[in-house]
Amino acid sequence: MISKVSPHLLYQFLMLGRFASVSYCTMEIPRPTKDSTLFDFTTATQSDIDSWREVSDTVREPGMSKAVFSLQKTRLFQRAVMFAMINPQPNGAGFAGVQTVIPDCAASYADSTGLRLHARGQGQLKYWKIVLTDRDQMGSMRRYDYEQKFLLYGMSEHQFEVVDLPFSQFKAYKWGKEVPDAPPLDLVKIGSFGFQTFGGVYDDYKQQGTGSLEVDFVSFY
């Protein structure tokens, strides 16, 4: 059962086309099949969470942002939560994120349409992105990453959302600027996966403050 989405937000999404991702609020968890799951945080262990590392703007001298990735466990559910704080520069520059090595099984889904997240955002940060990095680019300060941004529409209602991110819409970026001559995304070559939020230095919107991204799972569709 799909809950109602604000007509105003739906109109913005359909008519303005600012984001390639498709997002809708849901009252039920559309659990993916085991074979199509990339990360299942409902069954993850602390060791799985410990394999993620922070990648934030503090790699640069003026950086002041922060990200923490944690496993939330209650008697009723379990999921991963990324807590973030964006302290941008005056021009909006700033980012906070976490990253891990992508599972080897990902390469076998190169023919899939894209990535699907079941997530919820809270706080002041509503713009997020997925960051994918080629193996031969990992660890390089001159690297470019493949990114796709998404806006969480259900934050005001504290609802979980299904976010679909087509592989065809991932673009190569270096320090926030698009790299037009980079080759298209090839999932077979990807070595790392990351969640990130940002200040919006090159965007027509800006954000700062604190927020969280709760994630049940990431799958292919």
Protein backbone atom coordinates (compact mmCIF):
# COMPACT_ATOMS: atom_id res chain seq x y z
CA MET A 1 0.00 0.00 0.00
CA ILE A 2 1.44 3.36 -1.06
CA SER A 3 0.66 6.34 1.12
CA LYS A 4 -0.32 9.75 -0.24
CA VAL A 5 2.44 12.05 -1.43
CA SER A 6 1.99 15.83 -1.39
CA PRO A 7 0.61 16.88 -4.82
CA HIS A 8 2.90 19.91 -4.72
CA LEU A 9 6.00 17.77 -4.23
CA LEU A 10 4.83 15.30 -6.87
CA TYR A 11 4.34 18.15 -9.32
CA GLN A 12 7.82 19.46 -8.58
CA PHE A 13 9.29 16.06 -9.19
CA LEU A 14 7.45 15.30 -12.40
CA MET A 15 7.57 18.73 -14.00
CA LEU A 16 10.90 20.13 -12.95
CA GLY A 17 12.87 16.93 -13.34
CA ARG A 18 15.65 18.06 -11.02
CA PHE A 19 16.45 14.49 -10.02
CA ALA A 20 16.65 11.36 -12.15
CA SER A 21 15.81 9.18 -9.15
CA VAL A 22 12.27 7.97 -8.50
CA SER A 23 11.11 8.19 -4.90
CA TYR A 24 7.83 7.29 -3.25
CA CYS A 25 6.68 6.91 0.35
CA THR A 26 5.48 3.55 1.54
CA MET A 27 3.92 2.02 4.63
CA GLU A 28 5.29 -1.43 3.81
CA ILE A 29 8.85 -2.64 3.35
CA PRO A 30 9.23 -3.95 -0.24
CA ARG A 31 11.87 -6.48 0.75
CA PRO A 32 14.11 -7.46 -2.18
CA THR A 33 15.00 -11.04 -2.96
CA LYS A 34 18.19 -12.33 -1.40
CA ASP A 35 19.81 -12.67 -4.82
CA SER A 36 19.19 -9.02 -5.73
CA THR A 37 20.38 -7.52 -2.41
CA LEU A 38 23.63 -5.58 -2.28
CA PHE A 39 23.46 -4.54 1.40
CA ASP A 40 20.90 -5.87 3.89
CA PHE A 41 21.27 -3.88 7.09
CA THR A 42 18.35 -5.67 8.73
CA THR A 43 20.63 -8.69 9.17
CA ALA A 44 24.05 -7.00 9.19
CA THR A 45 26.56 -7.58 11.97
CA GLN A 46 28.67 -5.00 13.77
CA SER A 47 31.63 -6.35 11.82
CA ASP A 48 29.82 -5.43 8.59
CA ILE A 49 29.30 -1.87 9.84
CA ASP A 50 32.92 -1.60 10.96
CA SER A 51 34.00 -2.12 7.33
CA TRP A 52 32.60 1.30 6.44
CA ARG A 53 34.88 4.34 6.80
CA GLU A 54 34.22 8.05 6.90
CA VAL A 55 34.96 10.12 3.79
CA SER A 56 34.20 13.77 4.58
CA ASP A 57 35.49 17.24 3.67
CA THR A 58 38.06 17.14 6.46
CA VAL A 59 40.42 15.59 3.87
CA ARG A 60 40.85 19.26 2.94
CA GLU A 61 42.28 21.81 5.38
CA PRO A 62 39.14 24.01 5.68
CA GLY A 63 36.74 21.04 5.97
CA MET A 64 34.51 20.96 9.07
CA SER A 65 31.81 18.35 8.32
CA LYS A 66 31.33 14.94 9.92
CA ALA A 67 29.66 11.58 9.24
CA VAL A 68 29.16 8.53 11.47
CA PHE A 69 27.77 5.15 10.35
CA SER A 70 26.07 3.08 13.02
CA LEU A 71 23.97 -0.07 13.42
CA GLN A 72 20.67 0.61 15.18
CA LYS A 73 19.26 -2.47 16.92
CA THR A 74 16.01 -2.62 18.85
CA ARG A 75 13.76 -5.49 19.91
CA LEU A 76 11.57 -4.82 16.88
CA PHE A 77 13.93 -3.95 14.03
CA GLN A 78 17.48 -3.37 12.90
CA ARG A 79 18.90 -0.97 10.33
CA ALA A 80 21.93 1.19 9.54
CA VAL A 81 21.98 4.92 10.23
CA MET A 82 24.32 7.53 8.83
CA PHE A 83 24.46 10.61 11.06
CA ALA A 84 25.85 13.69 9.34
CA MET A 85 26.76 17.28 10.09
CA ILE A 86 27.38 19.71 7.22
CA ASN A 87 29.41 22.79 8.16
CA PRO A 88 29.82 24.32 4.69
CA GLN A 89 32.14 27.02 3.49
CA PRO A 90 30.50 30.37 2.59
CA ASN A 91 30.02 29.18 -1.02
CA GLY A 92 28.26 25.99 0.09
CA ALA A 93 31.26 23.68 -0.25
CA GLY A 94 31.12 20.78 2.16
CA PHE A 95 30.35 17.08 2.26
CA ALA A 96 30.12 14.21 4.70
CA GLY A 97 29.87 10.53 3.88
CA VAL A 98 30.84 6.94 4.47
CA GLN A 99 32.26 4.34 2.10
CA THR A 100 32.94 0.61 1.90
CA VAL A 101 34.31 -1.92 -0.56
CA ILE A 102 31.50 -3.08 -2.82
CA PRO A 103 30.70 -6.83 -2.62
CA ASP A 104 32.10 -8.97 -5.43
CA CYS A 105 28.57 -10.02 -6.42
CA ALA A 106 27.84 -6.51 -7.69
CA ALA A 107 29.62 -7.12 -10.99
CA SER A 108 27.12 -9.84 -11.90
CA TYR A 109 24.32 -7.23 -11.86
CA ALA A 110 25.89 -5.02 -14.52
CA ASP A 111 22.82 -5.56 -16.72
CA SER A 112 20.41 -4.36 -14.02
CA THR A 113 18.52 -1.07 -14.40
CA GLY A 114 19.84 0.53 -11.23
CA LEU A 115 20.01 0.65 -7.44
CA ARG A 116 17.04 0.70 -5.09
CA LEU A 117 17.16 2.04 -1.52
CA HIS A 118 14.64 1.68 1.28
CA ALA A 119 15.46 4.66 3.46
CA ARG A 120 14.23 7.51 5.62
CA GLY A 121 15.70 10.92 6.25
CA GLN A 122 15.37 13.06 9.36
CA GLY A 123 16.73 16.44 10.42
CA GLN A 124 17.89 19.37 8.29
CA LEU A 125 19.54 17.44 5.44
CA LYS A 126 17.21 16.25 2.68
CA TYR A 127 19.62 16.02 -0.26
CA TRP A 128 21.81 12.92 -0.45
CA LYS A 129 23.78 10.98 -3.02
CA ILE A 130 25.20 7.56 -3.82
CA VAL A 131 28.90 7.57 -4.73
CA LEU A 132 30.51 4.74 -6.74
CA THR A 133 34.26 4.63 -7.38
CA ASP A 134 36.24 2.55 -9.87
CA ARG A 135 38.87 0.24 -8.38
CA ASP A 136 41.66 2.01 -10.25
CA GLN A 137 40.52 5.36 -8.83
CA MET A 138 40.33 4.30 -5.19
CA GLY A 139 42.82 6.05 -2.91
CA SER A 140 43.74 8.68 -5.48
CA MET A 141 43.33 12.36 -4.56
CA ARG A 142 42.87 13.07 -8.29
CA ARG A 143 40.11 10.53 -8.72
CA TYR A 144 36.62 11.03 -10.05
CA ASP A 145 33.53 9.27 -8.70
CA TYR A 146 30.21 8.30 -10.25
CA GLU A 147 27.42 10.04 -8.36
CA GLN A 148 23.67 10.38 -8.36
CA LYS A 149 21.81 12.76 -6.07
CA PHE A 150 18.37 12.22 -4.64
CA LEU A 151 15.88 14.22 -2.63
CA LEU A 152 13.92 12.58 0.19
CA TYR A 153 10.30 13.70 -0.13
CA GLY A 154 8.83 11.98 2.91
CA MET A 155 10.85 13.66 5.67
CA SER A 156 8.03 15.92 6.84
CA GLU A 157 5.87 12.85 7.44
CA HIS A 158 8.75 10.77 8.88
CA GLN A 159 8.06 8.04 6.35
CA PHE A 160 10.35 5.54 4.69
CA GLU A 161 10.81 5.88 0.96
CA VAL A 162 11.79 3.65 -1.92
CA VAL A 163 14.41 5.44 -4.01
CA ASP A 164 15.29 4.10 -7.47
CA LEU A 165 18.58 5.29 -8.97
CA PRO A 166 19.06 4.29 -12.64
CA PHE A 167 22.64 3.41 -13.58
CA SER A 168 22.18 5.45 -16.77
CA GLN A 169 21.90 8.61 -14.66
CA PHE A 170 25.14 8.23 -12.69
CA LYS A 171 27.63 10.88 -13.82
CA ALA A 172 31.35 11.26 -13.15
CA TYR A 173 32.33 14.09 -10.78
CA LYS A 174 35.60 15.38 -9.34
CA TRP A 175 35.38 17.65 -6.30
CA GLY A 176 31.75 18.42 -7.13
CA LYS A 177 32.26 19.28 -10.81
CA GLU A 178 31.12 16.98 -13.61
CA VAL A 179 33.83 15.28 -15.68
CA PRO A 180 32.25 15.28 -19.16
CA ASP A 181 34.95 13.20 -20.85
CA ALA A 182 34.89 10.37 -18.28
CA PRO A 183 33.73 6.96 -19.52
CA PRO A 184 30.19 5.89 -18.57
CA LEU A 185 29.63 3.92 -15.39
CA ASP A 186 30.68 0.27 -15.68
CA LEU A 187 29.54 -1.70 -12.65
CA VAL A 188 32.15 -4.38 -13.33
CA LYS A 189 34.89 -1.82 -12.63
CA ILE A 190 33.36 -0.38 -9.43
CA GLY A 191 35.36 -1.01 -6.26
CA SER A 192 33.58 1.04 -3.59
CA PHE A 193 30.10 2.22 -2.61
CA GLY A 194 29.24 5.23 -0.48
CA PHE A 195 26.46 7.32 1.05
CA GLN A 196 27.02 11.06 1.12
CA THR A 197 25.30 14.35 1.89
CA PHE A 198 26.60 17.75 0.83
CA GLY A 199 26.36 21.51 1.05
CA GLY A 200 25.50 22.17 -2.61
CA VAL A 201 28.39 24.33 -3.78
CA TYR A 202 27.60 23.83 -7.49
CA ASP A 203 23.84 23.31 -7.10
CA ASP A 204 20.92 25.72 -7.14
CA TYR A 205 20.10 24.73 -3.56
CA LYS A 206 22.14 24.79 -0.37
CA GLN A 207 21.90 22.91 2.90
CA GLN A 208 23.67 22.80 6.24
CA GLY A 209 23.15 21.47 9.74
CA THR A 210 22.56 17.96 11.00
CA GLY A 211 20.55 15.04 9.71
CA SER A 212 20.37 11.27 9.42
CA LEU A 213 19.77 8.68 6.73
CA GLU A 214 18.25 5.42 7.95
CA VAL A 215 18.68 2.51 5.54
CA ASP A 216 17.15 -0.96 5.63
CA PHE A 217 18.72 -2.25 2.46
CA VAL A 218 20.20 -1.47 -0.95
CA SER A 219 19.33 -3.75 -3.86
CA PHE A 220 19.38 -4.01 -7.65
CA TYR A 221 16.27 -3.68 -9.79
